[in-house]
Protein backbone atom coordinates (compact mmCIF):
# COMPACT_ATOMS: atom_id res chain seq x y z
CA UNK A 1 3.28 7.04 12.32
CA UNK A 2 1.02 9.44 11.03
CA UNK A 3 1.67 11.72 7.75
CA UNK A 4 0.49 14.10 5.64
CA UNK A 5 1.33 12.20 2.63
CA UNK A 6 1.86 8.05 1.99
CA UNK A 7 4.54 7.45 -0.97
CA UNK A 8 5.63 4.59 -3.27
CA UNK A 9 8.91 4.68 -0.65
CA UNK A 10 6.16 4.14 2.61
CA UNK A 11 4.74 1.22 0.58
CA UNK A 12 8.01 -0.29 -0.69
CA UNK A 13 8.71 -0.33 3.62
CA UNK A 14 5.14 -1.52 4.31
CA UNK A 15 5.72 -4.55 1.71
CA UNK A 16 9.03 -5.46 2.96
CA UNK A 17 7.98 -5.57 6.71
CA UNK A 18 4.66 -7.28 5.94
CA UNK A 19 6.02 -9.90 3.50
CA UNK A 20 9.43 -9.65 2.79
CA UNK A 21 11.34 -8.87 -0.44
CA UNK A 22 9.84 -10.33 -3.83
CA UNK A 23 12.00 -12.63 -5.91
CA UNK A 24 11.03 -11.74 -8.98
CA UNK A 25 11.04 -7.99 -9.36
CA UNK A 26 13.11 -6.00 -7.07
CA UNK A 27 11.05 -3.40 -5.00
CA UNK A 28 13.45 -0.26 -5.51
CA UNK A 29 12.62 -0.43 -9.11
CA UNK A 30 9.65 1.29 -10.92
CA UNK A 31 6.53 -0.68 -9.55
CA UNK A 32 3.91 1.94 -8.96
CA UNK A 33 1.97 0.77 -12.33
CA UNK A 34 2.59 -2.88 -11.67
CA UNK A 35 0.21 -5.29 -10.54
CA UNK A 36 0.80 -6.63 -7.16
CA UNK A 37 1.01 -9.97 -8.48
CA UNK A 38 4.03 -9.10 -10.86
CA UNK A 39 6.05 -7.56 -7.84
CA UNK A 40 5.63 -11.17 -6.31
CA UNK A 41 2.84 -9.98 -3.85
CA UNK A 42 -0.53 -12.40 -3.08
CA UNK A 43 -3.94 -11.62 -1.75
CA UNK A 44 -2.46 -12.47 1.75
CA UNK A 45 0.45 -9.94 1.01
CA UNK A 46 -1.66 -7.40 0.32
CA UNK A 47 -3.83 -7.84 2.90
CA UNK A 48 -1.18 -7.99 5.95
CA UNK A 49 0.10 -4.69 3.95
CA UNK A 50 -3.28 -2.96 3.98
CA UNK A 51 -3.72 -3.61 8.26
CA UNK A 52 -0.33 -2.24 8.65
CA UNK A 53 -1.17 0.82 6.92
CA UNK A 54 -4.52 1.31 8.49
CA UNK A 55 -2.91 0.90 11.98
CA UNK A 56 0.03 3.31 10.82
CA UNK A 57 -1.84 5.83 9.21
CA UNK A 58 -5.39 5.96 10.87
CA UNK A 59 -6.98 5.59 7.86
CA UNK A 60 -9.78 2.71 7.11
CA UNK A 61 -9.40 0.73 3.98
CA UNK A 62 -12.92 -0.90 2.72
CA UNK A 63 -12.56 -4.94 1.72
CA UNK A 64 -13.53 -3.87 -1.67
CA UNK A 65 -10.71 -1.13 -1.79
CA UNK A 66 -8.19 -3.50 -0.60
CA UNK A 67 -9.48 -6.71 -3.10
CA UNK A 68 -9.85 -4.60 -5.87
CA UNK A 69 -6.53 -2.77 -5.41
CA UNK A 70 -4.35 -3.75 -8.09
CA UNK A 71 -1.14 -1.55 -8.19
CA UNK A 72 0.37 0.47 -5.77
CA UNK A 73 -0.31 3.49 -7.27
CA UNK A 74 -3.72 3.08 -6.98
CA UNK A 75 -3.09 2.20 -2.86
CA UNK A 76 -0.96 5.51 -2.85
CA UNK A 77 -3.96 7.20 -3.98
CA UNK A 78 -6.46 5.41 -1.91
CA UNK A 79 -4.53 6.43 1.22
CA UNK A 80 -3.78 9.91 0.25
CA UNK A 81 -7.52 10.73 -0.68
CA UNK A 82 -8.56 9.66 3.20
CA UNK A 83 -5.45 11.57 4.64
CA UNK A 84 -6.81 14.44 3.07
CA UNK A 85 -10.32 13.65 4.33
CA UNK A 86 -8.80 13.33 7.70
CA UNK A 87 -6.98 17.22 7.46
CA UNK A 88 -10.20 18.75 5.95
CA UNK A 89 -12.36 17.49 8.78
């Protein structure tokens, strides 16, 4: 699945597929600026989600980005920057 934009709804779907629904905070709420830990996803869940993003959107997320990604908004911006770069090349 390749798209011109990666959205909050996209990350919600990928998180649900990767690690299921969190117990402490519903994904349908305002999660963009919350940390993944606050939402209920540990580093393994984040790693799995990033792997899915790479496969489904054809981007390459380096290890530092994956480990340093603290919020869905930050991850969305990083993926969108790569998608824009792909369109420009």
